Amino acid sequence: MGFSISVEGGQGEATIKLVGELDAAAAPQFKEAIEKLAVDKPQRLILHMDQLEFMASAGLRVLIFARQKMGADVSLYVIGSRGPVLNTLKMSGFHHSVYLQDTYAPE
């Protein structure tokens, strides 16, 4: 399976939908999307991961980059992560710096 990303921005929110396998080859595409969205300084970054089947350490590094690039004032939501992706988030401790939710509900 490949990787696809879709990005939407506006009204203080930025939304990224990740599908497939986020490996070292796909990570630069994800990082580029984060960099572009950071310019607009959203209040919330919503990452839909319900269709993300795999995330390599390179993908995790981009998530950490996103947390740093967006800044502490930005709420970061990880929506629908499951299986190996959720395990990676929990094993790394990254789940402590985001809102993990099954469906998006701003806090």
N, C-alpha and C. Protein backbone atom coordinates (compact mmCIF):
# COMPACT_ATOMS: atom_id res chain seq x y z
N MET A 1 0.84 -1.18 0.00
CA MET A 1 0.00 0.00 0.00
C MET A 1 0.89 1.24 0.00
N GLY A 2 0.47 2.27 -0.68
CA GLY A 2 1.22 3.51 -0.74
C GLY A 2 0.82 4.45 0.37
N PHE A 3 1.01 5.72 0.10
CA PHE A 3 0.71 6.75 1.08
C PHE A 3 0.03 7.90 0.38
N SER A 4 -0.99 8.47 1.02
CA SER A 4 -1.59 9.69 0.50
C SER A 4 -1.91 10.61 1.67
N ILE A 5 -1.90 11.88 1.35
CA ILE A 5 -2.15 12.91 2.36
C ILE A 5 -3.07 13.95 1.75
N SER A 6 -4.05 14.39 2.53
CA SER A 6 -4.90 15.50 2.10
C SER A 6 -4.89 16.54 3.21
N VAL A 7 -4.89 17.80 2.80
CA VAL A 7 -4.71 18.91 3.73
C VAL A 7 -5.80 19.94 3.51
N GLU A 8 -6.36 20.43 4.61
CA GLU A 8 -7.32 21.53 4.57
C GLU A 8 -6.97 22.51 5.68
N GLY A 9 -7.18 23.77 5.41
CA GLY A 9 -6.92 24.78 6.42
C GLY A 9 -8.01 25.82 6.42
N GLY A 10 -8.15 26.53 7.52
CA GLY A 10 -9.13 27.61 7.60
C GLY A 10 -9.79 27.68 8.95
N GLN A 11 -10.27 28.87 9.32
CA GLN A 11 -11.01 29.12 10.55
C GLN A 11 -10.26 28.64 11.80
N GLY A 12 -8.97 28.85 11.85
CA GLY A 12 -8.21 28.50 13.03
C GLY A 12 -7.86 27.03 13.16
N GLU A 13 -8.29 26.23 12.20
CA GLU A 13 -8.00 24.80 12.23
C GLU A 13 -7.26 24.39 10.97
N ALA A 14 -6.40 23.41 11.13
CA ALA A 14 -5.74 22.78 9.99
C ALA A 14 -5.98 21.28 10.15
N THR A 15 -6.38 20.65 9.05
CA THR A 15 -6.71 19.23 9.08
C THR A 15 -5.85 18.49 8.07
N ILE A 16 -5.26 17.39 8.53
CA ILE A 16 -4.47 16.52 7.66
C ILE A 16 -5.03 15.12 7.79
N LYS A 17 -5.29 14.50 6.65
CA LYS A 17 -5.75 13.11 6.63
C LYS A 17 -4.62 12.27 6.04
N LEU A 18 -4.17 11.28 6.81
CA LEU A 18 -3.08 10.40 6.41
C LEU A 18 -3.65 9.02 6.10
N VAL A 19 -3.28 8.48 4.93
CA VAL A 19 -3.80 7.18 4.49
C VAL A 19 -2.64 6.31 4.04
N GLY A 20 -2.64 5.05 4.46
CA GLY A 20 -1.65 4.10 3.97
C GLY A 20 -0.50 3.90 4.92
N GLU A 21 0.71 3.97 4.39
CA GLU A 21 1.92 3.69 5.15
C GLU A 21 2.83 4.91 5.18
N LEU A 22 3.03 5.45 6.37
CA LEU A 22 3.89 6.61 6.55
C LEU A 22 5.29 6.12 6.89
N ASP A 23 6.08 5.92 5.85
CA ASP A 23 7.43 5.41 6.03
C ASP A 23 8.44 6.52 5.71
N ALA A 24 9.72 6.16 5.65
CA ALA A 24 10.78 7.15 5.41
C ALA A 24 10.61 7.86 4.07
N ALA A 25 10.08 7.16 3.08
CA ALA A 25 9.89 7.78 1.76
C ALA A 25 8.75 8.79 1.77
N ALA A 26 7.73 8.56 2.59
CA ALA A 26 6.56 9.43 2.63
C ALA A 26 6.71 10.58 3.64
N ALA A 27 7.58 10.44 4.61
CA ALA A 27 7.73 11.44 5.67
C ALA A 27 8.00 12.86 5.16
N PRO A 28 8.85 13.05 4.13
CA PRO A 28 9.08 14.42 3.65
C PRO A 28 7.81 15.11 3.13
N GLN A 29 6.91 14.35 2.55
CA GLN A 29 5.64 14.90 2.06
C GLN A 29 4.80 15.38 3.26
N PHE A 30 4.78 14.61 4.31
CA PHE A 30 4.06 14.98 5.53
C PHE A 30 4.70 16.22 6.16
N LYS A 31 6.02 16.24 6.24
CA LYS A 31 6.73 17.39 6.82
C LYS A 31 6.45 18.66 6.03
N GLU A 32 6.44 18.57 4.73
CA GLU A 32 6.16 19.74 3.88
C GLU A 32 4.76 20.29 4.17
N ALA A 33 3.80 19.40 4.34
CA ALA A 33 2.43 19.83 4.65
C ALA A 33 2.39 20.57 5.99
N ILE A 34 3.10 20.06 6.97
CA ILE A 34 3.16 20.72 8.29
C ILE A 34 3.77 22.11 8.16
N GLU A 35 4.87 22.22 7.41
CA GLU A 35 5.53 23.51 7.24
C GLU A 35 4.60 24.53 6.59
N LYS A 36 3.85 24.12 5.58
CA LYS A 36 2.93 25.03 4.90
C LYS A 36 1.80 25.47 5.84
N LEU A 37 1.26 24.54 6.61
CA LEU A 37 0.16 24.87 7.51
C LEU A 37 0.61 25.76 8.66
N ALA A 38 1.84 25.60 9.12
CA ALA A 38 2.35 26.38 10.25
C ALA A 38 2.40 27.87 9.93
N VAL A 39 2.53 28.21 8.67
CA VAL A 39 2.59 29.61 8.25
C VAL A 39 1.31 30.35 8.65
N ASP A 40 0.16 29.64 8.59
CA ASP A 40 -1.13 30.26 8.91
C ASP A 40 -1.42 30.31 10.41
N LYS A 41 -0.54 29.72 11.22
CA LYS A 41 -0.67 29.73 12.67
C LYS A 41 -2.06 29.28 13.16
N PRO A 42 -2.45 28.04 12.83
CA PRO A 42 -3.75 27.56 13.30
C PRO A 42 -3.77 27.37 14.82
N GLN A 43 -4.95 27.38 15.39
CA GLN A 43 -5.10 27.13 16.83
C GLN A 43 -5.17 25.63 17.11
N ARG A 44 -5.64 24.86 16.12
CA ARG A 44 -5.76 23.41 16.26
C ARG A 44 -5.24 22.73 15.00
N LEU A 45 -4.48 21.65 15.21
CA LEU A 45 -4.04 20.78 14.13
C LEU A 45 -4.69 19.43 14.36
N ILE A 46 -5.51 19.02 13.39
CA ILE A 46 -6.25 17.77 13.51
C ILE A 46 -5.66 16.77 12.52
N LEU A 47 -5.16 15.66 13.03
CA LEU A 47 -4.55 14.61 12.21
C LEU A 47 -5.46 13.40 12.21
N HIS A 48 -6.09 13.15 11.08
CA HIS A 48 -6.95 11.97 10.94
C HIS A 48 -6.09 10.79 10.52
N MET A 49 -6.02 9.79 11.41
CA MET A 49 -5.13 8.65 11.19
C MET A 49 -5.89 7.32 11.16
N ASP A 50 -7.19 7.36 11.01
CA ASP A 50 -7.96 6.13 11.03
C ASP A 50 -7.66 5.21 9.85
N GLN A 51 -7.10 5.76 8.78
CA GLN A 51 -6.75 4.94 7.62
C GLN A 51 -5.23 4.79 7.46
N LEU A 52 -4.49 5.18 8.49
CA LEU A 52 -3.04 5.01 8.48
C LEU A 52 -2.73 3.63 9.03
N GLU A 53 -2.15 2.78 8.19
CA GLU A 53 -1.90 1.39 8.56
C GLU A 53 -0.55 1.19 9.26
N PHE A 54 0.41 2.05 8.95
CA PHE A 54 1.77 1.87 9.45
C PHE A 54 2.43 3.22 9.58
N MET A 55 3.24 3.39 10.63
CA MET A 55 4.02 4.61 10.77
C MET A 55 5.42 4.23 11.24
N ALA A 56 6.40 4.53 10.42
CA ALA A 56 7.80 4.28 10.75
C ALA A 56 8.30 5.38 11.68
N SER A 57 9.50 5.20 12.18
CA SER A 57 10.09 6.21 13.07
C SER A 57 10.21 7.56 12.37
N ALA A 58 10.38 7.55 11.05
CA ALA A 58 10.45 8.82 10.31
C ALA A 58 9.13 9.58 10.42
N GLY A 59 8.02 8.87 10.42
CA GLY A 59 6.71 9.51 10.60
C GLY A 59 6.55 10.07 11.99
N LEU A 60 7.03 9.33 12.98
CA LEU A 60 6.99 9.82 14.36
C LEU A 60 7.83 11.08 14.51
N ARG A 61 8.98 11.12 13.84
CA ARG A 61 9.82 12.32 13.89
C ARG A 61 9.10 13.53 13.31
N VAL A 62 8.29 13.32 12.27
CA VAL A 62 7.53 14.44 11.70
C VAL A 62 6.44 14.88 12.67
N LEU A 63 5.83 13.96 13.39
CA LEU A 63 4.85 14.34 14.40
C LEU A 63 5.50 15.19 15.49
N ILE A 64 6.68 14.80 15.92
CA ILE A 64 7.41 15.58 16.91
C ILE A 64 7.76 16.96 16.35
N PHE A 65 8.18 16.99 15.08
CA PHE A 65 8.45 18.25 14.40
C PHE A 65 7.19 19.12 14.38
N ALA A 66 6.05 18.51 14.09
CA ALA A 66 4.78 19.25 14.04
C ALA A 66 4.47 19.87 15.39
N ARG A 67 4.67 19.09 16.45
CA ARG A 67 4.42 19.59 17.81
C ARG A 67 5.31 20.81 18.07
N GLN A 68 6.58 20.75 17.67
CA GLN A 68 7.52 21.85 17.89
C GLN A 68 7.23 23.03 16.96
N LYS A 69 6.99 22.75 15.70
CA LYS A 69 6.78 23.80 14.70
C LYS A 69 5.51 24.61 14.98
N MET A 70 4.45 23.92 15.40
CA MET A 70 3.18 24.60 15.65
C MET A 70 3.24 25.41 16.94
N GLY A 71 4.03 24.96 17.90
CA GLY A 71 4.16 25.67 19.16
C GLY A 71 3.23 25.12 20.23
N ALA A 72 3.53 25.48 21.46
CA ALA A 72 2.80 24.96 22.61
C ALA A 72 1.36 25.45 22.67
N ASP A 73 1.05 26.57 22.03
CA ASP A 73 -0.31 27.12 22.08
C ASP A 73 -1.28 26.39 21.16
N VAL A 74 -0.77 25.57 20.26
CA VAL A 74 -1.62 24.88 19.29
C VAL A 74 -2.02 23.52 19.85
N SER A 75 -3.31 23.25 19.84
CA SER A 75 -3.83 21.95 20.26
C SER A 75 -3.67 20.97 19.11
N LEU A 76 -3.07 19.84 19.40
CA LEU A 76 -2.83 18.83 18.37
C LEU A 76 -3.70 17.60 18.68
N TYR A 77 -4.56 17.25 17.72
CA TYR A 77 -5.48 16.13 17.87
C TYR A 77 -5.07 15.00 16.94
N VAL A 78 -4.99 13.79 17.49
CA VAL A 78 -4.75 12.59 16.70
C VAL A 78 -6.05 11.79 16.74
N ILE A 79 -6.68 11.65 15.58
CA ILE A 79 -8.01 11.07 15.50
C ILE A 79 -7.96 9.68 14.86
N GLY A 80 -8.53 8.71 15.56
CA GLY A 80 -8.75 7.39 14.99
C GLY A 80 -7.54 6.50 14.86
N SER A 81 -6.44 6.83 15.49
CA SER A 81 -5.26 5.96 15.36
C SER A 81 -5.55 4.63 16.05
N ARG A 82 -5.01 3.56 15.48
CA ARG A 82 -5.28 2.22 16.01
C ARG A 82 -4.12 1.29 15.68
N GLY A 83 -4.16 0.12 16.26
CA GLY A 83 -3.19 -0.92 15.95
C GLY A 83 -1.76 -0.47 16.14
N PRO A 84 -0.91 -0.80 15.16
CA PRO A 84 0.52 -0.49 15.28
C PRO A 84 0.81 1.01 15.38
N VAL A 85 -0.01 1.84 14.74
CA VAL A 85 0.21 3.29 14.80
C VAL A 85 -0.03 3.79 16.22
N LEU A 86 -1.13 3.36 16.83
CA LEU A 86 -1.43 3.75 18.20
C LEU A 86 -0.36 3.22 19.16
N ASN A 87 0.08 2.00 18.94
CA ASN A 87 1.14 1.44 19.78
C ASN A 87 2.41 2.27 19.70
N THR A 88 2.77 2.71 18.50
CA THR A 88 3.96 3.55 18.33
C THR A 88 3.82 4.86 19.09
N LEU A 89 2.65 5.48 19.01
CA LEU A 89 2.42 6.74 19.72
C LEU A 89 2.54 6.54 21.23
N LYS A 90 2.01 5.45 21.72
CA LYS A 90 2.04 5.20 23.17
C LYS A 90 3.43 4.77 23.64
N MET A 91 4.10 3.91 22.88
CA MET A 91 5.43 3.45 23.29
C MET A 91 6.43 4.60 23.31
N SER A 92 6.25 5.56 22.42
CA SER A 92 7.17 6.70 22.36
C SER A 92 6.84 7.76 23.41
N GLY A 93 5.64 7.69 23.98
CA GLY A 93 5.21 8.71 24.92
C GLY A 93 4.60 9.93 24.25
N PHE A 94 4.52 9.92 22.92
CA PHE A 94 3.99 11.08 22.20
C PHE A 94 2.53 11.34 22.54
N HIS A 95 1.80 10.30 22.92
CA HIS A 95 0.38 10.46 23.25
C HIS A 95 0.16 11.42 24.42
N HIS A 96 1.20 11.71 25.19
CA HIS A 96 1.06 12.64 26.31
C HIS A 96 1.02 14.10 25.84
N SER A 97 1.43 14.37 24.61
CA SER A 97 1.48 15.76 24.15
C SER A 97 0.40 16.08 23.11
N VAL A 98 -0.56 15.17 22.94
CA VAL A 98 -1.65 15.37 21.99
C VAL A 98 -2.96 14.90 22.62
N TYR A 99 -4.07 15.24 21.95
CA TYR A 99 -5.37 14.69 22.32
C TYR A 99 -5.59 13.48 21.43
N LEU A 100 -5.68 12.30 22.02
CA LEU A 100 -6.00 11.08 21.28
C LEU A 100 -7.51 10.89 21.35
N GLN A 101 -8.17 10.83 20.19
CA GLN A 101 -9.62 10.68 20.16
C GLN A 101 -10.01 9.72 19.04
N ASP A 102 -11.17 9.05 19.24
CA ASP A 102 -11.71 8.19 18.18
C ASP A 102 -12.35 9.03 17.09
N THR A 103 -13.06 10.08 17.50
CA THR A 103 -13.66 11.04 16.56
C THR A 103 -13.31 12.43 17.06
N TYR A 104 -13.28 13.39 16.16
CA TYR A 104 -12.84 14.73 16.53
C TYR A 104 -13.90 15.44 17.37
N ALA A 105 -13.47 15.86 18.56
CA ALA A 105 -14.29 16.67 19.45
C ALA A 105 -13.36 17.63 20.17
N PRO A 106 -13.33 18.90 19.77
CA PRO A 106 -12.41 19.87 20.39
C PRO A 106 -12.63 19.94 21.90
N GLU A 107 -11.53 20.07 22.62
CA GLU A 107 -11.61 20.17 24.09
C GLU A 107 -11.45 21.60 24.51
